[in-house]
Amino acid sequence: RFRVTITPKHKAKDINNFVNALDSVWSKLDLKRSDPKESTSESNL
């Protein structure tokens, strides 16, 4: 996994760029996407 940790100095634009970069990398490497209908919460341990 990646373990993402956010600090107070990260801005909204940083977060937007980060998510867009991840989205692009996931597409380029054809990585597994999550099923929107499937829970990724603590109950799915």
ModelCIF file with pLDDT and N, C-alpha, C, O atoms, coordinates in Angstrom:
data_MODEL
#
_entry.id   MODEL 
#
_entity.id                         1 
_entity.type                       polymer 
_entity.pdbx_number_of_molecules   1 
#
_entity_poly.entity_id                      1 
_entity_poly.type                           'polypeptide(L)' 
_entity_poly.nstd_linkage                   no 
_entity_poly.nstd_monomer                   no 
_entity_poly.pdbx_seq_one_letter_code       RFRVTITPKHKAKDINNFVNALDSVWSKLDLKRSDPKESTSESNL 
_entity_poly.pdbx_seq_one_letter_code_can   RFRVTITPKHKAKDINNFVNALDSVWSKLDLKRSDPKESTSESNL 
_entity_poly.pdbx_strand_id                 A 
#
loop_
_entity_poly_seq.entity_id 
_entity_poly_seq.num 
_entity_poly_seq.mon_id 
_entity_poly_seq.hetero 
1 1  ARG n 
1 2  PHE n 
1 3  ARG n 
1 4  VAL n 
1 5  THR n 
1 6  ILE n 
1 7  THR n 
1 8  PRO n 
1 9  LYS n 
1 10 HIS n 
1 11 LYS n 
1 12 ALA n 
1 13 LYS n 
1 14 ASP n 
1 15 ILE n 
1 16 ASN n 
1 17 ASN n 
1 18 PHE n 
1 19 VAL n 
1 20 ASN n 
1 21 ALA n 
1 22 LEU n 
1 23 ASP n 
1 24 SER n 
1 25 VAL n 
1 26 TRP n 
1 27 SER n 
1 28 LYS n 
1 29 LEU n 
1 30 ASP n 
1 31 LEU n 
1 32 LYS n 
1 33 ARG n 
1 34 SER n 
1 35 ASP n 
1 36 PRO n 
1 37 LYS n 
1 38 GLU n 
1 39 SER n 
1 40 THR n 
1 41 SER n 
1 42 GLU n 
1 43 SER n 
1 44 ASN n 
1 45 LEU n 
#
_struct_asym.id          A 
_struct_asym.entity_id   1 
#
loop_
_ma_qa_metric.id 
_ma_qa_metric.mode 
_ma_qa_metric.name 
_ma_qa_metric.software_group_id 
_ma_qa_metric.type 
1 global pLDDT . pLDDT 
2 local  pLDDT . pLDDT 
#
_ma_qa_metric_global.metric_id      1 
_ma_qa_metric_global.metric_value   85.29 
_ma_qa_metric_global.model_id       1 
_ma_qa_metric_global.ordinal_id     1 
#
loop_
_ma_qa_metric_local.label_asym_id 
_ma_qa_metric_local.label_comp_id 
_ma_qa_metric_local.label_seq_id 
_ma_qa_metric_local.metric_id 
_ma_qa_metric_local.metric_value 
_ma_qa_metric_local.model_id 
_ma_qa_metric_local.ordinal_id 
A ARG 1  2 93.00 1 1  
A PHE 2  2 95.00 1 2  
A ARG 3  2 96.00 1 3  
A VAL 4  2 97.00 1 4  
A THR 5  2 95.00 1 5  
A ILE 6  2 90.00 1 6  
A THR 7  2 92.00 1 7  
A PRO 8  2 93.00 1 8  
A LYS 9  2 93.00 1 9  
A HIS 10 2 94.00 1 10 
A LYS 11 2 94.00 1 11 
A ALA 12 2 94.00 1 12 
A LYS 13 2 95.00 1 13 
A ASP 14 2 96.00 1 14 
A ILE 15 2 97.00 1 15 
A ASN 16 2 97.00 1 16 
A ASN 17 2 97.00 1 17 
A PHE 18 2 97.00 1 18 
A VAL 19 2 98.00 1 19 
A ASN 20 2 98.00 1 20 
A ALA 21 2 98.00 1 21 
A LEU 22 2 98.00 1 22 
A ASP 23 2 98.00 1 23 
A SER 24 2 98.00 1 24 
A VAL 25 2 98.00 1 25 
A TRP 26 2 97.00 1 26 
A SER 27 2 97.00 1 27 
A LYS 28 2 97.00 1 28 
A LEU 29 2 96.00 1 29 
A ASP 30 2 95.00 1 30 
A LEU 31 2 94.00 1 31 
A LYS 32 2 92.00 1 32 
A ARG 33 2 93.00 1 33 
A SER 34 2 87.00 1 34 
A ASP 35 2 82.00 1 35 
A PRO 36 2 69.00 1 36 
A LYS 37 2 59.00 1 37 
A GLU 38 2 59.00 1 38 
A SER 39 2 47.00 1 39 
A THR 40 2 54.00 1 40 
A SER 41 2 52.00 1 41 
A GLU 42 2 47.00 1 42 
A SER 43 2 42.00 1 43 
A ASN 44 2 44.00 1 44 
A LEU 45 2 44.00 1 45 
#
loop_
_atom_site.group_PDB 
_atom_site.id 
_atom_site.type_symbol 
_atom_site.label_atom_id 
_atom_site.label_alt_id 
_atom_site.label_comp_id 
_atom_site.label_asym_id 
_atom_site.label_entity_id 
_atom_site.label_seq_id 
_atom_site.pdbx_PDB_ins_code 
_atom_site.Cartn_x 
_atom_site.Cartn_y 
_atom_site.Cartn_z 
_atom_site.occupancy 
_atom_site.B_iso_or_equiv 
_atom_site.pdbx_formal_charge 
_atom_site.auth_seq_id 
_atom_site.auth_comp_id 
_atom_site.auth_asym_id 
_atom_site.auth_atom_id 
_atom_site.pdbx_PDB_model_num 
ATOM 1   N N  . ARG A 1 1  ? 0.812   -1.214 0.000   1.00 93.00 ? 1  ARG A N  1 
ATOM 2   C CA . ARG A 1 1  ? 0.000   0.000  0.000   1.00 93.00 ? 1  ARG A CA 1 
ATOM 3   C C  . ARG A 1 1  ? 0.845   1.264  0.000   1.00 93.00 ? 1  ARG A C  1 
ATOM 4   O O  . ARG A 1 1  ? 2.064   1.227  0.171   1.00 93.00 ? 1  ARG A O  1 
ATOM 5   N N  . PHE A 1 2  ? 0.160   2.377  -0.196  1.00 95.00 ? 2  PHE A N  1 
ATOM 6   C CA . PHE A 1 2  ? 0.672   3.696  0.164   1.00 95.00 ? 2  PHE A CA 1 
ATOM 7   C C  . PHE A 1 2  ? 0.016   4.070  1.491   1.00 95.00 ? 2  PHE A C  1 
ATOM 8   O O  . PHE A 1 2  ? -1.149  3.753  1.733   1.00 95.00 ? 2  PHE A O  1 
ATOM 9   N N  . ARG A 1 3  ? 0.766   4.734  2.329   1.00 96.00 ? 3  ARG A N  1 
ATOM 10  C CA . ARG A 1 3  ? 0.214   5.238  3.594   1.00 96.00 ? 3  ARG A CA 1 
ATOM 11  C C  . ARG A 1 3  ? 0.285   6.763  3.536   1.00 96.00 ? 3  ARG A C  1 
ATOM 12  O O  . ARG A 1 3  ? 1.332   7.361  3.786   1.00 96.00 ? 3  ARG A O  1 
ATOM 13  N N  . VAL A 1 4  ? -0.832  7.370  3.206   1.00 97.00 ? 4  VAL A N  1 
ATOM 14  C CA . VAL A 1 4  ? -0.889  8.822  3.023   1.00 97.00 ? 4  VAL A CA 1 
ATOM 15  C C  . VAL A 1 4  ? -1.142  9.491  4.364   1.00 97.00 ? 4  VAL A C  1 
ATOM 16  O O  . VAL A 1 4  ? -2.047  9.106  5.105   1.00 97.00 ? 4  VAL A O  1 
ATOM 17  N N  . THR A 1 5  ? -0.331  10.499 4.666   1.00 95.00 ? 5  THR A N  1 
ATOM 18  C CA . THR A 1 5  ? -0.558  11.297 5.875   1.00 95.00 ? 5  THR A CA 1 
ATOM 19  C C  . THR A 1 5  ? -0.621  12.773 5.485   1.00 95.00 ? 5  THR A C  1 
ATOM 20  O O  . THR A 1 5  ? 0.270   13.295 4.815   1.00 95.00 ? 5  THR A O  1 
ATOM 21  N N  . ILE A 1 6  ? -1.672  13.415 5.912   1.00 90.00 ? 6  ILE A N  1 
ATOM 22  C CA . ILE A 1 6  ? -1.929  14.817 5.574   1.00 90.00 ? 6  ILE A CA 1 
ATOM 23  C C  . ILE A 1 6  ? -1.468  15.700 6.718   1.00 90.00 ? 6  ILE A C  1 
ATOM 24  O O  . ILE A 1 6  ? -1.633  15.342 7.885   1.00 90.00 ? 6  ILE A O  1 
ATOM 25  N N  . THR A 1 7  ? -0.896  16.838 6.401   1.00 92.00 ? 7  THR A N  1 
ATOM 26  C CA . THR A 1 7  ? -0.499  17.798 7.424   1.00 92.00 ? 7  THR A CA 1 
ATOM 27  C C  . THR A 1 7  ? -1.293  19.091 7.244   1.00 92.00 ? 7  THR A C  1 
ATOM 28  O O  . THR A 1 7  ? -1.959  19.263 6.223   1.00 92.00 ? 7  THR A O  1 
ATOM 29  N N  . PRO A 1 8  ? -1.234  19.995 8.210   1.00 93.00 ? 8  PRO A N  1 
ATOM 30  C CA . PRO A 1 8  ? -1.946  21.267 8.059   1.00 93.00 ? 8  PRO A CA 1 
ATOM 31  C C  . PRO A 1 8  ? -1.417  22.113 6.904   1.00 93.00 ? 8  PRO A C  1 
ATOM 32  O O  . PRO A 1 8  ? -2.124  22.989 6.408   1.00 93.00 ? 8  PRO A O  1 
ATOM 33  N N  . LYS A 1 9  ? -0.178  21.861 6.469   1.00 93.00 ? 9  LYS A N  1 
ATOM 34  C CA . LYS A 1 9  ? 0.424   22.682 5.412   1.00 93.00 ? 9  LYS A CA 1 
ATOM 35  C C  . LYS A 1 9  ? 0.033   22.237 4.007   1.00 93.00 ? 9  LYS A C  1 
ATOM 36  O O  . LYS A 1 9  ? 0.306   22.948 3.040   1.00 93.00 ? 9  LYS A O  1 
ATOM 37  N N  . HIS A 1 10 ? -0.598  21.081 3.878   1.00 94.00 ? 10 HIS A N  1 
ATOM 38  C CA . HIS A 1 10 ? -1.127  20.684 2.573   1.00 94.00 ? 10 HIS A CA 1 
ATOM 39  C C  . HIS A 1 10 ? -2.367  21.526 2.278   1.00 94.00 ? 10 HIS A C  1 
ATOM 40  O O  . HIS A 1 10 ? -3.252  21.662 3.123   1.00 94.00 ? 10 HIS A O  1 
ATOM 41  N N  . LYS A 1 11 ? -2.420  22.081 1.084   1.00 94.00 ? 11 LYS A N  1 
ATOM 42  C CA . LYS A 1 11 ? -3.537  22.922 0.672   1.00 94.00 ? 11 LYS A CA 1 
ATOM 43  C C  . LYS A 1 11 ? -4.533  22.122 -0.174  1.00 94.00 ? 11 LYS A C  1 
ATOM 44  O O  . LYS A 1 11 ? -4.237  21.016 -0.626  1.00 94.00 ? 11 LYS A O  1 
ATOM 45  N N  . ALA A 1 12 ? -5.714  22.704 -0.376  1.00 94.00 ? 12 ALA A N  1 
ATOM 46  C CA . ALA A 1 12 ? -6.740  22.039 -1.180  1.00 94.00 ? 12 ALA A CA 1 
ATOM 47  C C  . ALA A 1 12 ? -6.248  21.778 -2.594  1.00 94.00 ? 12 ALA A C  1 
ATOM 48  O O  . ALA A 1 12 ? -6.544  20.731 -3.169  1.00 94.00 ? 12 ALA A O  1 
ATOM 49  N N  . LYS A 1 13 ? -5.496  22.722 -3.163  1.00 95.00 ? 13 LYS A N  1 
ATOM 50  C CA . LYS A 1 13 ? -4.974  22.523 -4.522  1.00 95.00 ? 13 LYS A CA 1 
ATOM 51  C C  . LYS A 1 13 ? -3.940  21.392 -4.551  1.00 95.00 ? 13 LYS A C  1 
ATOM 52  O O  . LYS A 1 13 ? -3.842  20.665 -5.539  1.00 95.00 ? 13 LYS A O  1 
ATOM 53  N N  . ASP A 1 14 ? -3.167  21.243 -3.465  1.00 96.00 ? 14 ASP A N  1 
ATOM 54  C CA . ASP A 1 14 ? -2.214  20.127 -3.375  1.00 96.00 ? 14 ASP A CA 1 
ATOM 55  C C  . ASP A 1 14 ? -2.955  18.796 -3.396  1.00 96.00 ? 14 ASP A C  1 
ATOM 56  O O  . ASP A 1 14 ? -2.554  17.857 -4.084  1.00 96.00 ? 14 ASP A O  1 
ATOM 57  N N  . ILE A 1 15 ? -4.036  18.730 -2.637  1.00 97.00 ? 15 ILE A N  1 
ATOM 58  C CA . ILE A 1 15 ? -4.830  17.506 -2.557  1.00 97.00 ? 15 ILE A CA 1 
ATOM 59  C C  . ILE A 1 15 ? -5.442  17.177 -3.913  1.00 97.00 ? 15 ILE A C  1 
ATOM 60  O O  . ILE A 1 15 ? -5.449  16.020 -4.334  1.00 97.00 ? 15 ILE A O  1 
ATOM 61  N N  . ASN A 1 16 ? -5.952  18.195 -4.591  1.00 97.00 ? 16 ASN A N  1 
ATOM 62  C CA . ASN A 1 16 ? -6.541  17.992 -5.911  1.00 97.00 ? 16 ASN A CA 1 
ATOM 63  C C  . ASN A 1 16 ? -5.498  17.469 -6.901  1.00 97.00 ? 16 ASN A C  1 
ATOM 64  O O  . ASN A 1 16 ? -5.772  16.548 -7.671  1.00 97.00 ? 16 ASN A O  1 
ATOM 65  N N  . ASN A 1 17 ? -4.304  18.061 -6.874  1.00 97.00 ? 17 ASN A N  1 
ATOM 66  C CA . ASN A 1 17 ? -3.227  17.600 -7.756  1.00 97.00 ? 17 ASN A CA 1 
ATOM 67  C C  . ASN A 1 17 ? -2.802  16.178 -7.425  1.00 97.00 ? 17 ASN A C  1 
ATOM 68  O O  . ASN A 1 17 ? -2.519  15.379 -8.318  1.00 97.00 ? 17 ASN A O  1 
ATOM 69  N N  . PHE A 1 18 ? -2.759  15.869 -6.131  1.00 97.00 ? 18 PHE A N  1 
ATOM 70  C CA . PHE A 1 18 ? -2.368  14.533 -5.691  1.00 97.00 ? 18 PHE A CA 1 
ATOM 71  C C  . PHE A 1 18 ? -3.360  13.483 -6.189  1.00 97.00 ? 18 PHE A C  1 
ATOM 72  O O  . PHE A 1 18 ? -2.955  12.450 -6.722  1.00 97.00 ? 18 PHE A O  1 
ATOM 73  N N  . VAL A 1 19 ? -4.650  13.742 -6.018  1.00 98.00 ? 19 VAL A N  1 
ATOM 74  C CA . VAL A 1 19 ? -5.674  12.799 -6.455  1.00 98.00 ? 19 VAL A CA 1 
ATOM 75  C C  . VAL A 1 19 ? -5.637  12.630 -7.978  1.00 98.00 ? 19 VAL A C  1 
ATOM 76  O O  . VAL A 1 19 ? -5.761  11.514 -8.484  1.00 98.00 ? 19 VAL A O  1 
ATOM 77  N N  . ASN A 1 20 ? -5.468  13.733 -8.704  1.00 98.00 ? 20 ASN A N  1 
ATOM 78  C CA . ASN A 1 20 ? -5.396  13.652 -10.163 1.00 98.00 ? 20 ASN A CA 1 
ATOM 79  C C  . ASN A 1 20 ? -4.189  12.834 -10.620 1.00 98.00 ? 20 ASN A C  1 
ATOM 80  O O  . ASN A 1 20 ? -4.273  12.068 -11.579 1.00 98.00 ? 20 ASN A O  1 
ATOM 81  N N  . ALA A 1 21 ? -3.068  13.006 -9.923  1.00 98.00 ? 21 ALA A N  1 
ATOM 82  C CA . ALA A 1 21 ? -1.865  12.243 -10.258 1.00 98.00 ? 21 ALA A CA 1 
ATOM 83  C C  . ALA A 1 21 ? -2.085  10.756 -10.004 1.00 98.00 ? 21 ALA A C  1 
ATOM 84  O O  . ALA A 1 21 ? -1.705  9.922  -10.825 1.00 98.00 ? 21 ALA A O  1 
ATOM 85  N N  . LEU A 1 22 ? -2.697  10.422 -8.870  1.00 98.00 ? 22 LEU A N  1 
ATOM 86  C CA . LEU A 1 22 ? -3.009  9.026  -8.570  1.00 98.00 ? 22 LEU A CA 1 
ATOM 87  C C  . LEU A 1 22 ? -3.933  8.435  -9.631  1.00 98.00 ? 22 LEU A C  1 
ATOM 88  O O  . LEU A 1 22 ? -3.718  7.319  -10.103 1.00 98.00 ? 22 LEU A O  1 
ATOM 89  N N  . ASP A 1 23 ? -4.952  9.188  -9.996  1.00 98.00 ? 23 ASP A N  1 
ATOM 90  C CA . ASP A 1 23 ? -5.902  8.729  -11.006 1.00 98.00 ? 23 ASP A CA 1 
ATOM 91  C C  . ASP A 1 23 ? -5.184  8.412  -12.315 1.00 98.00 ? 23 ASP A C  1 
ATOM 92  O O  . ASP A 1 23 ? -5.460  7.396  -12.953 1.00 98.00 ? 23 ASP A O  1 
ATOM 93  N N  . SER A 1 24 ? -4.266  9.283  -12.708 1.00 98.00 ? 24 SER A N  1 
ATOM 94  C CA . SER A 1 24 ? -3.499  9.086  -13.939 1.00 98.00 ? 24 SER A CA 1 
ATOM 95  C C  . SER A 1 24 ? -2.604  7.855  -13.851 1.00 98.00 ? 24 SER A C  1 
ATOM 96  O O  . SER A 1 24 ? -2.541  7.064  -14.792 1.00 98.00 ? 24 SER A O  1 
ATOM 97  N N  . VAL A 1 25 ? -1.913  7.691  -12.727 1.00 98.00 ? 25 VAL A N  1 
ATOM 98  C CA . VAL A 1 25 ? -1.014  6.550  -12.545 1.00 98.00 ? 25 VAL A CA 1 
ATOM 99  C C  . VAL A 1 25 ? -1.817  5.250  -12.525 1.00 98.00 ? 25 VAL A C  1 
ATOM 100 O O  . VAL A 1 25 ? -1.394  4.250  -13.106 1.00 98.00 ? 25 VAL A O  1 
ATOM 101 N N  . TRP A 1 26 ? -2.966  5.260  -11.863 1.00 97.00 ? 26 TRP A N  1 
ATOM 102 C CA . TRP A 1 26 ? -3.807  4.059  -11.824 1.00 97.00 ? 26 TRP A CA 1 
ATOM 103 C C  . TRP A 1 26 ? -4.206  3.642  -13.254 1.00 97.00 ? 26 TRP A C  1 
ATOM 104 O O  . TRP A 1 26 ? -4.246  2.454  -13.576 1.00 97.00 ? 26 TRP A O  1 
ATOM 105 N N  . SER A 1 27 ? -4.497  4.629  -14.091 1.00 97.00 ? 27 SER A N  1 
ATOM 106 C CA . SER A 1 27 ? -4.877  4.322  -15.476 1.00 97.00 ? 27 SER A CA 1 
ATOM 107 C C  . SER A 1 27 ? -3.683  3.827  -16.285 1.00 97.00 ? 27 SER A C  1 
ATOM 108 O O  . SER A 1 27 ? -3.803  2.855  -17.031 1.00 97.00 ? 27 SER A O  1 
ATOM 109 N N  . LYS A 1 28 ? -2.540  4.480  -16.148 1.00 97.00 ? 28 LYS A N  1 
ATOM 110 C CA . LYS A 1 28 ? -1.353  4.101  -16.919 1.00 97.00 ? 28 LYS A CA 1 
ATOM 111 C C  . LYS A 1 28 ? -0.867  2.696  -16.581 1.00 97.00 ? 28 LYS A C  1 
ATOM 112 O O  . LYS A 1 28 ? -0.404  1.967  -17.458 1.00 97.00 ? 28 LYS A O  1 
ATOM 113 N N  . LEU A 1 29 ? -0.973  2.315  -15.308 1.00 96.00 ? 29 LEU A N  1 
ATOM 114 C CA . LEU A 1 29 ? -0.506  0.994  -14.877 1.00 96.00 ? 29 LEU A CA 1 
ATOM 115 C C  . LEU A 1 29 ? -1.634  -0.036 -14.824 1.00 96.00 ? 29 LEU A C  1 
ATOM 116 O O  . LEU A 1 29 ? -1.421  -1.198 -14.478 1.00 96.00 ? 29 LEU A O  1 
ATOM 117 N N  . ASP A 1 30 ? -2.844  0.421  -15.176 1.00 95.00 ? 30 ASP A N  1 
ATOM 118 C CA . ASP A 1 30 ? -4.020  -0.458 -15.154 1.00 95.00 ? 30 ASP A CA 1 
ATOM 119 C C  . ASP A 1 30 ? -4.177  -1.124 -13.795 1.00 95.00 ? 30 ASP A C  1 
ATOM 120 O O  . ASP A 1 30 ? -4.352  -2.339 -13.702 1.00 95.00 ? 30 ASP A O  1 
ATOM 121 N N  . LEU A 1 31 ? -4.114  -0.320 -12.750 1.00 94.00 ? 31 LEU A N  1 
ATOM 122 C CA . LEU A 1 31 ? -4.228  -0.824 -11.387 1.00 94.00 ? 31 LEU A CA 1 
ATOM 123 C C  . LEU A 1 31 ? -5.689  -1.043 -11.015 1.00 94.00 ? 31 LEU A C  1 
ATOM 124 O O  . LEU A 1 31 ? -6.597  -0.438 -11.585 1.00 94.00 ? 31 LEU A O  1 
ATOM 125 N N  . LYS A 1 32 ? -5.885  -1.922 -10.047 1.00 92.00 ? 32 LYS A N  1 
ATOM 126 C CA . LYS A 1 32 ? -7.237  -2.276 -9.616  1.00 92.00 ? 32 LYS A CA 1 
ATOM 127 C C  . LYS A 1 32 ? -7.943  -1.071 -9.011  1.00 92.00 ? 32 LYS A C  1 
ATOM 128 O O  . LYS A 1 32 ? -7.392  -0.384 -8.150  1.00 92.00 ? 32 LYS A O  1 
ATOM 129 N N  . ARG A 1 33 ? -9.154  -0.822 -9.464  1.00 93.00 ? 33 ARG A N  1 
ATOM 130 C CA . ARG A 1 33 ? -9.992  0.232  -8.899  1.00 93.00 ? 33 ARG A CA 1 
ATOM 131 C C  . ARG A 1 33 ? -10.956 -0.368 -7.878  1.00 93.00 ? 33 ARG A C  1 
ATOM 132 O O  . ARG A 1 33 ? -11.211 -1.572 -7.878  1.00 93.00 ? 33 ARG A O  1 
ATOM 133 N N  . SER A 1 34 ? -11.480 0.482  -7.020  1.00 87.00 ? 34 SER A N  1 
ATOM 134 C CA . SER A 1 34 ? -12.456 0.013  -6.035  1.00 87.00 ? 34 SER A CA 1 
ATOM 135 C C  . SER A 1 34 ? -13.842 -0.035 -6.659  1.00 87.00 ? 34 SER A C  1 
ATOM 136 O O  . SER A 1 34 ? -14.151 0.698  -7.598  1.00 87.00 ? 34 SER A O  1 
ATOM 137 N N  . ASP A 1 35 ? -14.659 -0.909 -6.115  1.00 82.00 ? 35 ASP A N  1 
ATOM 138 C CA . ASP A 1 35 ? -16.060 -0.990 -6.520  1.00 82.00 ? 35 ASP A CA 1 
ATOM 139 C C  . ASP A 1 35 ? -16.837 0.003  -5.669  1.00 82.00 ? 35 ASP A C  1 
ATOM 140 O O  . ASP A 1 35 ? -16.871 -0.137 -4.447  1.00 82.00 ? 35 ASP A O  1 
ATOM 141 N N  . PRO A 1 36 ? -17.463 1.004  -6.285  1.00 69.00 ? 36 PRO A N  1 
ATOM 142 C CA . PRO A 1 36 ? -18.194 2.019  -5.500  1.00 69.00 ? 36 PRO A CA 1 
ATOM 143 C C  . PRO A 1 36 ? -19.234 1.422  -4.560  1.00 69.00 ? 36 PRO A C  1 
ATOM 144 O O  . PRO A 1 36 ? -19.591 2.031  -3.552  1.00 69.00 ? 36 PRO A O  1 
ATOM 145 N N  . LYS A 1 37 ? -19.722 0.222  -4.896  1.00 59.00 ? 37 LYS A N  1 
ATOM 146 C CA . LYS A 1 37 ? -20.755 -0.402 -4.066  1.00 59.00 ? 37 LYS A CA 1 
ATOM 147 C C  . LYS A 1 37 ? -20.171 -1.152 -2.874  1.00 59.00 ? 37 LYS A C  1 
ATOM 148 O O  . LYS A 1 37 ? -20.899 -1.558 -1.968  1.00 59.00 ? 37 LYS A O  1 
ATOM 149 N N  . GLU A 1 38 ? -18.838 -1.334 -2.882  1.00 59.00 ? 38 GLU A N  1 
ATOM 150 C CA . GLU A 1 38 ? -18.207 -2.149 -1.845  1.00 59.00 ? 38 GLU A CA 1 
ATOM 151 C C  . GLU A 1 38 ? -17.640 -1.276 -0.747  1.00 59.00 ? 38 GLU A C  1 
ATOM 152 O O  . GLU A 1 38 ? -16.953 -0.294 -1.030  1.00 59.00 ? 38 GLU A O  1 
ATOM 153 N N  . SER A 1 39 ? -17.915 -1.616 0.503   1.00 47.00 ? 39 SER A N  1 
ATOM 154 C CA . SER A 1 39 ? -17.411 -0.851 1.641   1.00 47.00 ? 39 SER A CA 1 
ATOM 155 C C  . SER A 1 39 ? -15.922 -1.071 1.832   1.00 47.00 ? 39 SER A C  1 
ATOM 156 O O  . SER A 1 39 ? -15.422 -2.185 1.675   1.00 47.00 ? 39 SER A O  1 
ATOM 157 N N  . THR A 1 40 ? -15.219 -0.002 2.173   1.00 54.00 ? 40 THR A N  1 
ATOM 158 C CA . THR A 1 40 ? -13.804 -0.119 2.543   1.00 54.00 ? 40 THR A CA 1 
ATOM 159 C C  . THR A 1 40 ? -13.609 0.364  3.972   1.00 54.00 ? 40 THR A C  1 
ATOM 160 O O  . THR A 1 40 ? -12.579 0.947  4.310   1.00 54.00 ? 40 THR A O  1 
ATOM 161 N N  . SER A 1 41 ? -14.606 0.115  4.799   1.00 52.00 ? 41 SER A N  1 
ATOM 162 C CA . SER A 1 41 ? -14.590 0.612  6.161   1.00 52.00 ? 41 SER A CA 1 
ATOM 163 C C  . SER A 1 41 ? -14.020 -0.421 7.114   1.00 52.00 ? 41 SER A C  1 
ATOM 164 O O  . SER A 1 41 ? -13.617 -1.510 6.705   1.00 52.00 ? 41 SER A O  1 
ATOM 165 N N  . GLU A 1 42 ? -13.993 -0.063 8.392   1.00 47.00 ? 42 GLU A N  1 
ATOM 166 C CA . GLU A 1 42 ? -13.478 -0.964 9.427   1.00 47.00 ? 42 GLU A CA 1 
ATOM 167 C C  . GLU A 1 42 ? -14.266 -2.259 9.484   1.00 47.00 ? 42 GLU A C  1 
ATOM 168 O O  . GLU A 1 42 ? -13.727 -3.288 9.892   1.00 47.00 ? 42 GLU A O  1 
ATOM 169 N N  . SER A 1 43 ? -15.517 -2.231 9.087   1.00 42.00 ? 43 SER A N  1 
ATOM 170 C CA . SER A 1 43 ? -16.327 -3.440 9.147   1.00 42.00 ? 43 SER A CA 1 
ATOM 171 C C  . SER A 1 43 ? -15.881 -4.485 8.135   1.00 42.00 ? 43 SER A C  1 
ATOM 172 O O  . SER A 1 43 ? -16.250 -5.654 8.239   1.00 42.00 ? 43 SER A O  1 
ATOM 173 N N  . ASN A 1 44 ? -15.089 -4.064 7.158   1.00 44.00 ? 44 ASN A N  1 
ATOM 174 C CA . ASN A 1 44 ? -14.623 -4.986 6.124   1.00 44.00 ? 44 ASN A CA 1 
ATOM 175 C C  . ASN A 1 44 ? -13.202 -5.444 6.420   1.00 44.00 ? 44 ASN A C  1 
ATOM 176 O O  . ASN A 1 44 ? -12.341 -5.431 5.541   1.00 44.00 ? 44 ASN A O  1 
ATOM 177 N N  . LEU A 1 45 ? -12.964 -5.845 7.657   1.00 44.00 ? 45 LEU A N  1 
ATOM 178 C CA . LEU A 1 45 ? -11.607 -6.112 8.113   1.00 44.00 ? 45 LEU A CA 1 
ATOM 179 C C  . LEU A 1 45 ? -10.999 -7.388 7.556   1.00 44.00 ? 45 LEU A C  1 
ATOM 180 O O  . LEU A 1 45 ? -9.855  -7.715 7.872   1.00 44.00 ? 45 LEU A O  1 
#
